[in-house]
Amino acid sequence: MWTGLVFNLCLLLLPLAAAAGVFIISRDQLYAYEYSETGARSIIDRVEKLNATLIQVDFDRQRQWDNMVAMELMANDPSAARGFLLSGATMLPARSAEVLRRAAAEGAGDAAIEVAALQLLLPGTRERYQANVQLISLRPTATPTATATAATLGDPRDFELMARALLTEPETDPLQFVLTGFSLGLGGDMSARMNDGAVALLAATRREDFPEQLAEELRALLAQAMPVETFRTAARVSAEGRGQPGDFDNASVAFAASVNQEAAARVRTLLAEVGDISAATSSVGAQTLLTHATTTNDFTRLRLLALTAGDRAAAAAKRLPRDGRLLLAARGELTFNRQLTIAVALMALSVLTMLALIVLKAFQGARDGIRRLNHEDEPEYEDSELLEISTNNWRPL
């Protein structure tokens, strides 16, 4: 009875502790997809293995690898070309792959791998690569100055044209208009990285393979950040006695007045994440990576992939099917606080107690079964002698 009671209590405590753990992780944001030196190598290995699955014929691996690099060069996508080149350790046959592993072991990083991999390419592909792709070892060490002009989606004239179209034609898609307003700083301070993200995001939404579910979520988020109907009303009020509602002076004031700051902060965070993806790969690479997302929550995973695997991730995104495998390659890290530790300890205690009770009951059941087979615990066989039964003991009634 007592073992049954303890087992049921543990059975009740386990899901409660698990739910508490999930709540604590979500509340305190303990699981994060942030870059770390310890996790970078494992993510790179996963992405390289995904690129290796693109090799179809095992006996001609090196020629297929060379063709993939050459095709990306002809498509004017140096980021993807470098990605396949750097993934040679898993894509090439064992002997050629060992050359790249030795280069990586020397500690010079991707620069040494790139130089070693170039020697394995066919002469024509190698010449084309050196002519069109800047080698990692030749990249300038100086970082761009903070005063460098940031890329924007448009100037005030473009914003004015889109504002007039949005005011006169209600069915106009406001996505580009809202992103342009943010790019011009009308929705809050925008960094150069955020502007780069806005450029890449808008280009990604125009691709045929961009997920419709993600596009709808983005439109909903932008509609929260800058409600179009509120903008239309504010623009007409701003234009009273001062020109047309679509004029830049009126439309910009109406845009800034209509912004929901809480949702706008979320938009700027997303644009910064896309900007980081673009900086770690390329604008085209960022657009391709975004097509593997299903929700905006996947942007943090894609950012981690770009920061760790870089061009390898851009190459994988271009050729892999959009089945979620690329996203699974990015795994974050969990930080334990006191409350989460207690919840995990309760879960472990519940599981161990239930396992111990199961083992105990199984042992008792096996022991009782053996005793029954040996007639050890049947009363009529305990401390008794065998009786001799013969016909002499029976008499007719």
Protein backbone atom coordinates (compact mmCIF):
# COMPACT_ATOMS: atom_id res chain seq x y z
CA MET A 1 0.00 0.00 0.00
CA TRP A 2 2.73 2.45 0.96
CA THR A 3 4.75 1.76 -2.16
CA GLY A 4 1.67 2.38 -4.30
CA LEU A 5 1.03 5.69 -2.53
CA VAL A 6 4.63 6.86 -3.00
CA PHE A 7 4.59 5.81 -6.68
CA ASN A 8 1.39 7.79 -7.36
CA LEU A 9 2.77 10.84 -5.58
CA CYS A 10 5.90 10.72 -7.73
CA LEU A 11 3.75 10.24 -10.83
CA LEU A 12 1.91 13.45 -9.91
CA LEU A 13 5.05 15.38 -8.95
CA LEU A 14 6.95 14.62 -12.18
CA PRO A 15 4.72 16.55 -14.65
CA LEU A 16 4.27 19.38 -12.15
CA ALA A 17 8.04 19.79 -11.80
CA ALA A 18 8.49 19.55 -15.58
CA ALA A 19 5.86 22.24 -16.17
CA ALA A 20 7.52 24.44 -13.55
CA GLY A 21 10.88 23.97 -15.31
CA VAL A 22 9.46 24.98 -18.68
CA PHE A 23 7.79 28.03 -17.12
CA ILE A 24 11.02 29.13 -15.41
CA ILE A 25 13.02 28.74 -18.65
CA SER A 26 10.47 30.81 -20.57
CA ARG A 27 10.06 33.45 -17.86
CA ASP A 28 13.75 34.02 -17.20
CA GLN A 29 14.85 33.38 -20.82
CA LEU A 30 17.38 30.81 -19.68
CA TYR A 31 17.65 29.07 -23.07
CA ALA A 32 19.43 31.33 -25.53
CA TYR A 33 20.83 30.91 -29.02
CA GLU A 34 23.98 32.91 -28.38
CA TYR A 35 27.42 32.43 -29.87
CA SER A 36 29.97 30.59 -27.78
CA GLU A 37 33.39 29.19 -28.59
CA THR A 38 32.49 25.81 -27.10
CA GLY A 39 29.37 25.33 -29.20
CA ALA A 40 30.65 26.84 -32.46
CA ARG A 41 32.64 23.79 -33.56
CA SER A 42 29.75 21.39 -33.02
CA ILE A 43 27.40 23.59 -35.07
CA ILE A 44 29.96 23.83 -37.87
CA ASP A 45 30.29 20.04 -37.87
CA ARG A 46 26.52 19.61 -38.16
CA VAL A 47 26.27 22.06 -41.05
CA GLU A 48 29.18 20.42 -42.87
CA LYS A 49 27.50 17.02 -42.49
CA LEU A 50 24.32 18.49 -43.98
CA ASN A 51 26.34 19.76 -46.94
CA ALA A 52 27.86 16.29 -47.29
CA THR A 53 24.37 14.83 -47.82
CA LEU A 54 24.22 16.77 -51.10
CA ILE A 55 26.82 14.42 -52.58
CA GLN A 56 24.81 11.78 -54.43
CA VAL A 57 27.40 9.49 -56.03
CA ASP A 58 29.96 8.10 -53.62
CA PHE A 59 32.66 7.15 -56.12
CA ASP A 60 32.84 10.65 -57.67
CA ARG A 61 32.64 12.85 -54.58
CA GLN A 62 35.50 15.18 -55.47
CA ARG A 63 34.12 15.99 -58.93
CA GLN A 64 30.67 16.76 -57.48
CA TRP A 65 32.23 18.99 -54.82
CA ASP A 66 34.16 20.85 -57.51
CA ASN A 67 30.98 21.24 -59.60
CA MET A 68 29.08 22.71 -56.65
CA VAL A 69 31.76 25.34 -56.10
CA ALA A 70 31.88 26.11 -59.84
CA MET A 71 28.08 26.44 -60.08
CA GLU A 72 27.95 28.96 -57.24
CA LEU A 73 30.75 30.95 -58.86
CA MET A 74 28.83 31.04 -62.14
CA ALA A 75 25.72 32.13 -60.18
CA ASN A 76 27.79 35.01 -58.75
CA ASP A 77 27.29 33.81 -55.18
CA PRO A 78 30.77 33.85 -53.59
CA SER A 79 29.40 33.21 -50.12
CA ALA A 80 27.85 29.87 -51.12
CA ALA A 81 30.95 28.97 -53.16
CA ARG A 82 33.17 29.52 -50.15
CA GLY A 83 30.72 27.59 -47.99
CA PHE A 84 31.02 24.45 -50.11
CA LEU A 85 34.78 24.92 -50.37
CA LEU A 86 35.17 25.06 -46.57
CA SER A 87 32.87 22.03 -46.13
CA GLY A 88 35.27 19.83 -48.09
CA ALA A 89 36.36 17.92 -44.96
CA THR A 90 33.02 16.07 -44.99
CA MET A 91 32.14 16.31 -48.69
CA LEU A 92 35.39 14.96 -50.16
CA PRO A 93 36.76 11.40 -50.22
CA ALA A 94 38.80 10.30 -47.22
CA ARG A 95 42.24 11.02 -48.67
CA SER A 96 41.40 14.55 -49.85
CA ALA A 97 39.42 15.27 -46.69
CA GLU A 98 42.47 14.39 -44.60
CA VAL A 99 44.38 17.22 -46.29
CA LEU A 100 41.81 19.73 -45.06
CA ARG A 101 41.72 18.23 -41.57
CA ARG A 102 45.47 18.61 -41.29
CA ALA A 103 45.18 22.24 -42.40
CA ALA A 104 42.50 22.86 -39.78
CA ALA A 105 44.60 21.18 -37.10
CA GLU A 106 47.39 23.70 -37.65
CA GLY A 107 45.26 26.33 -35.96
CA ALA A 108 45.00 28.90 -38.76
CA GLY A 109 41.23 28.49 -39.00
CA ASP A 110 39.17 28.83 -42.17
CA ALA A 111 41.93 30.77 -43.93
CA ALA A 112 44.20 27.70 -43.93
CA ILE A 113 41.32 25.40 -44.92
CA GLU A 114 40.45 27.68 -47.84
CA VAL A 115 44.04 27.72 -49.15
CA ALA A 116 44.36 23.95 -48.82
CA ALA A 117 40.98 23.34 -50.47
CA LEU A 118 41.91 25.51 -53.44
CA GLN A 119 44.66 23.06 -54.32
CA LEU A 120 42.05 20.29 -54.61
CA LEU A 121 39.90 22.17 -57.14
CA LEU A 122 40.24 21.69 -60.87
CA PRO A 123 42.46 24.39 -62.44
CA GLY A 124 39.56 26.19 -64.13
CA THR A 125 37.47 26.32 -60.97
CA ARG A 126 40.46 27.41 -58.89
CA GLU A 127 41.25 30.29 -61.26
CA ARG A 128 37.62 31.42 -61.30
CA TYR A 129 37.46 31.27 -57.49
CA GLN A 130 40.62 33.33 -57.03
CA ALA A 131 39.37 35.89 -59.54
CA ASN A 132 35.91 36.37 -58.02
CA VAL A 133 36.21 35.59 -54.31
CA GLN A 134 38.38 37.48 -51.87
CA LEU A 135 40.41 34.98 -49.86
CA ILE A 136 39.91 35.02 -46.12
CA SER A 137 43.64 35.44 -45.60
CA LEU A 138 43.58 38.62 -47.74
CA ARG A 139 40.67 40.32 -46.02
CA PRO A 140 41.48 43.72 -44.51
CA THR A 141 41.90 43.60 -40.75
CA ALA A 142 40.54 47.12 -40.20
CA THR A 143 36.84 47.37 -39.33
CA PRO A 144 34.58 49.84 -41.14
CA THR A 145 34.24 53.19 -39.45
CA ALA A 146 31.09 54.03 -37.58
CA THR A 147 30.50 56.98 -39.92
CA ALA A 148 30.11 54.75 -42.96
CA THR A 149 26.87 55.33 -44.83
CA ALA A 150 24.30 52.68 -43.97
CA ALA A 151 22.18 51.04 -46.64
CA THR A 152 18.56 52.21 -46.65
CA LEU A 153 15.46 51.04 -48.42
CA GLY A 154 14.71 54.45 -49.90
CA ASP A 155 14.94 58.20 -49.52
CA PRO A 156 12.24 60.70 -48.50
CA ARG A 157 11.00 60.86 -52.09
CA ASP A 158 10.41 57.08 -52.16
CA PHE A 159 8.65 57.27 -48.79
CA GLU A 160 6.40 60.03 -50.08
CA LEU A 161 5.41 58.06 -53.18
CA MET A 162 4.53 55.00 -51.10
CA ALA A 163 2.60 57.12 -48.59
CA ARG A 164 0.45 58.62 -51.33
CA ALA A 165 -0.25 55.18 -52.78
CA LEU A 166 -1.19 53.84 -49.35
CA LEU A 167 -3.55 56.77 -48.71
CA THR A 168 -5.32 56.61 -52.07
CA GLU A 169 -5.35 52.81 -52.52
CA PRO A 170 -6.25 51.00 -49.26
CA GLU A 171 -5.44 47.58 -50.75
CA THR A 172 -1.74 48.52 -51.13
CA ASP A 173 0.60 46.19 -49.25
CA PRO A 174 2.14 48.33 -46.48
CA LEU A 175 5.14 46.05 -45.80
CA GLN A 176 7.68 47.99 -47.86
CA PHE A 177 6.27 51.33 -46.71
CA VAL A 178 6.60 50.45 -43.03
CA LEU A 179 10.10 49.02 -43.45
CA THR A 180 11.14 52.13 -45.38
CA GLY A 181 9.80 54.34 -42.60
CA PHE A 182 11.81 52.39 -40.06
CA SER A 183 14.88 52.58 -42.30
CA LEU A 184 14.52 56.39 -42.36
CA GLY A 185 14.45 56.45 -38.56
CA LEU A 186 10.77 57.36 -38.22
CA GLY A 187 10.09 54.34 -35.99
CA GLY A 188 13.01 54.88 -33.62
CA ASP A 189 16.79 54.85 -33.74
CA MET A 190 18.11 52.53 -36.45
CA SER A 191 21.67 51.27 -36.53
CA ALA A 192 23.54 50.42 -39.71
CA ARG A 193 23.10 46.73 -38.91
CA MET A 194 19.32 47.19 -38.61
CA ASN A 195 19.21 48.98 -41.96
CA ASP A 196 21.12 46.12 -43.58
CA GLY A 197 18.61 43.75 -42.03
CA ALA A 198 15.68 45.73 -43.43
CA VAL A 199 17.19 45.60 -46.93
CA ALA A 200 17.76 41.83 -46.73
CA LEU A 201 14.34 41.15 -45.18
CA LEU A 202 12.44 43.07 -47.85
CA ALA A 203 14.35 41.29 -50.60
CA ALA A 204 13.65 37.93 -48.94
CA THR A 205 9.89 38.57 -48.78
CA ARG A 206 9.86 39.04 -52.55
CA ARG A 207 11.27 35.58 -53.22
CA GLU A 208 8.90 32.91 -54.46
CA ASP A 209 10.19 30.42 -51.88
CA PHE A 210 9.64 32.76 -48.92
CA PRO A 211 7.20 31.02 -46.53
CA GLU A 212 3.73 32.56 -46.70
CA GLN A 213 3.14 31.82 -43.02
CA LEU A 214 6.22 33.84 -42.10
CA ALA A 215 5.21 36.67 -44.43
CA GLU A 216 1.80 36.90 -42.75
CA GLU A 217 3.42 36.98 -39.31
CA LEU A 218 5.73 39.79 -40.42
CA ARG A 219 2.83 41.79 -41.82
CA ALA A 220 0.94 41.34 -38.57
CA LEU A 221 3.95 42.49 -36.54
CA LEU A 222 4.51 45.52 -38.75
CA ALA A 223 0.80 46.34 -38.54
CA GLN A 224 1.12 46.37 -34.75
CA ALA A 225 4.23 48.52 -34.89
CA MET A 226 2.64 51.07 -37.24
CA PRO A 227 -1.15 50.68 -37.65
CA VAL A 228 -2.04 51.76 -41.17
CA GLU A 229 -5.49 53.13 -40.29
CA THR A 230 -3.99 55.21 -37.50
CA PHE A 231 -1.42 56.53 -39.97
CA ARG A 232 -4.09 57.47 -42.51
CA THR A 233 -6.05 59.40 -39.90
CA ALA A 234 -2.95 61.12 -38.52
CA ALA A 235 -1.76 62.07 -42.02
CA ARG A 236 -5.08 63.77 -42.86
CA VAL A 237 -5.01 65.65 -39.56
CA SER A 238 -1.39 66.70 -40.12
CA ALA A 239 -2.22 67.94 -43.62
CA GLU A 240 -4.99 70.33 -42.56
CA GLY A 241 -3.99 73.64 -44.08
CA ARG A 242 -0.48 72.34 -44.90
CA GLY A 243 -0.47 70.60 -48.26
CA GLN A 244 -1.41 67.01 -49.04
CA PRO A 245 -1.54 64.09 -46.57
CA GLY A 246 0.98 62.18 -48.68
CA ASP A 247 3.63 64.92 -48.60
CA PHE A 248 6.78 63.78 -46.81
CA ASP A 249 6.50 66.40 -44.07
CA ASN A 250 2.95 65.35 -43.21
CA ALA A 251 3.39 61.61 -43.79
CA SER A 252 6.60 61.41 -41.74
CA VAL A 253 5.00 63.19 -38.77
CA ALA A 254 1.95 60.90 -39.02
CA PHE A 255 4.18 57.83 -39.25
CA ALA A 256 6.16 58.76 -36.13
CA ALA A 257 2.97 59.59 -34.23
CA SER A 258 1.35 56.25 -35.17
CA VAL A 259 4.22 54.02 -34.05
CA ASN A 260 3.59 51.58 -31.23
CA GLN A 261 6.90 51.70 -29.39
CA GLU A 262 6.64 48.23 -27.82
CA ALA A 263 6.00 46.51 -31.16
CA ALA A 264 8.53 48.79 -32.86
CA ALA A 265 11.23 47.59 -30.45
CA ARG A 266 10.42 44.02 -31.47
CA VAL A 267 10.73 44.99 -35.15
CA ARG A 268 14.11 46.63 -34.58
CA THR A 269 15.31 43.50 -32.76
CA LEU A 270 14.30 41.33 -35.73
CA LEU A 271 16.00 43.69 -38.17
CA ALA A 272 19.18 43.59 -36.09
CA GLU A 273 19.15 39.79 -36.15
CA VAL A 274 18.75 39.76 -39.94
CA GLY A 275 21.52 42.36 -40.17
CA ASP A 276 23.83 40.09 -38.18
CA ILE A 277 23.01 37.21 -40.55
CA SER A 278 23.79 39.43 -43.54
CA ALA A 279 27.08 40.60 -42.04
CA ALA A 280 28.20 37.05 -41.21
CA THR A 281 27.39 35.74 -44.70
CA SER A 282 26.10 38.13 -47.37
CA SER A 283 22.87 39.88 -48.23
CA VAL A 284 21.96 37.07 -50.64
CA GLY A 285 22.97 34.48 -48.04
CA ALA A 286 20.74 36.14 -45.46
CA GLN A 287 17.80 36.11 -47.86
CA THR A 288 18.29 32.40 -48.53
CA LEU A 289 18.63 31.57 -44.84
CA LEU A 290 15.38 33.40 -44.05
CA THR A 291 13.48 31.09 -46.40
CA HIS A 292 14.19 28.24 -43.95
CA ALA A 293 12.32 30.00 -41.13
CA THR A 294 8.69 29.30 -40.36
CA THR A 295 8.20 31.94 -37.65
CA THR A 296 10.10 35.02 -36.53
CA ASN A 297 11.29 33.04 -33.50
CA ASP A 298 13.53 31.08 -35.90
CA PHE A 299 15.55 34.23 -36.64
CA THR A 300 17.63 33.74 -33.48
CA ARG A 301 18.56 30.22 -34.63
CA LEU A 302 19.46 31.45 -38.11
CA ARG A 303 21.57 34.20 -36.56
CA LEU A 304 23.48 31.62 -34.50
CA LEU A 305 24.00 29.51 -37.63
CA ALA A 306 25.37 32.50 -39.51
CA LEU A 307 27.67 33.61 -36.68
CA THR A 308 29.13 30.12 -36.24
CA ALA A 309 28.99 28.36 -39.62
CA GLY A 310 29.01 31.52 -41.75
CA ASP A 311 29.32 30.76 -45.46
CA ARG A 312 28.84 27.04 -44.79
CA ALA A 313 25.33 27.83 -43.56
CA ALA A 314 24.65 30.03 -46.60
CA ALA A 315 25.65 27.17 -48.90
CA ALA A 316 23.51 24.68 -46.98
CA ALA A 317 20.52 27.01 -47.06
CA LYS A 318 20.74 27.31 -50.83
CA ARG A 319 20.67 23.59 -51.61
CA LEU A 320 19.01 21.83 -48.66
CA PRO A 321 15.24 21.22 -48.62
CA ARG A 322 13.30 23.43 -46.25
CA ASP A 323 12.35 20.63 -43.87
CA GLY A 324 13.77 22.06 -40.65
CA ARG A 325 17.05 20.12 -40.68
CA LEU A 326 19.12 23.28 -41.03
CA LEU A 327 17.38 24.93 -38.08
CA LEU A 328 18.01 21.86 -35.93
CA ALA A 329 21.74 22.28 -36.50
CA ALA A 330 21.64 25.39 -34.29
CA ARG A 331 21.37 24.41 -30.65
CA GLY A 332 21.43 26.96 -27.88
CA GLU A 333 22.67 26.72 -24.32
CA LEU A 334 20.63 26.45 -21.13
CA THR A 335 21.59 28.47 -18.08
CA PHE A 336 20.59 27.02 -14.71
CA ASN A 337 19.41 29.25 -11.90
CA ARG A 338 18.37 28.20 -8.39
CA GLN A 339 14.68 27.68 -9.19
CA LEU A 340 15.38 25.66 -12.33
CA THR A 341 17.89 23.53 -10.45
CA ILE A 342 15.26 22.72 -7.82
CA ALA A 343 12.70 21.82 -10.50
CA VAL A 344 15.18 19.54 -12.30
CA ALA A 345 16.17 17.94 -8.99
CA LEU A 346 12.52 17.18 -8.20
CA MET A 347 12.05 15.63 -11.64
CA ALA A 348 15.16 13.48 -11.20
CA LEU A 349 14.09 12.44 -7.69
CA SER A 350 10.62 11.48 -8.94
CA VAL A 351 11.99 9.41 -11.81
CA LEU A 352 14.57 7.65 -9.65
CA THR A 353 12.00 6.89 -6.94
CA MET A 354 9.56 5.42 -9.47
CA LEU A 355 12.31 3.31 -11.03
CA ALA A 356 13.38 2.07 -7.60
CA LEU A 357 9.81 1.12 -6.71
CA ILE A 358 9.36 -0.68 -10.03
CA VAL A 359 12.57 -2.64 -9.47
CA LEU A 360 11.54 -3.43 -5.90
CA LYS A 361 8.10 -4.71 -6.91
CA ALA A 362 9.58 -6.71 -9.78
CA PHE A 363 12.05 -8.32 -7.36
CA GLN A 364 9.32 -9.12 -4.85
CA GLY A 365 7.10 -10.57 -7.56
CA ALA A 366 9.92 -12.77 -8.88
CA ARG A 367 10.78 -13.93 -5.37
CA ASP A 368 7.17 -14.81 -4.58
CA GLY A 369 6.87 -16.68 -7.84
CA ILE A 370 9.90 -18.79 -7.06
CA ARG A 371 8.52 -19.57 -3.62
CA ARG A 372 5.24 -20.73 -5.06
CA LEU A 373 7.03 -23.00 -7.45
CA ASN A 374 8.92 -24.51 -4.53
CA HIS A 375 5.76 -24.64 -2.30
CA GLU A 376 7.67 -22.68 0.31
CA ASP A 377 4.90 -20.42 1.47
CA GLU A 378 1.87 -22.78 1.30
CA PRO A 379 0.67 -23.65 4.88
CA GLU A 380 -0.16 -27.29 4.18
CA TYR A 381 3.44 -27.92 3.16
CA GLU A 382 5.15 -26.09 6.02
CA ASP A 383 6.66 -28.35 8.78
CA SER A 384 4.61 -31.35 7.63
CA GLU A 385 5.50 -34.94 6.84
CA LEU A 386 4.41 -36.96 3.86
CA LEU A 387 1.38 -39.22 4.59
CA GLU A 388 1.14 -42.73 3.26
CA ILE A 389 -2.22 -43.39 1.71
CA SER A 390 -3.18 -46.98 0.93
CA THR A 391 -6.33 -49.00 0.52
CA ASN A 392 -6.00 -50.34 4.08
CA ASN A 393 -6.95 -46.94 5.40
CA TRP A 394 -10.31 -46.91 3.68
CA ARG A 395 -13.44 -48.66 4.97
CA PRO A 396 -16.90 -48.76 3.36
CA LEU A 397 -19.61 -46.65 4.98
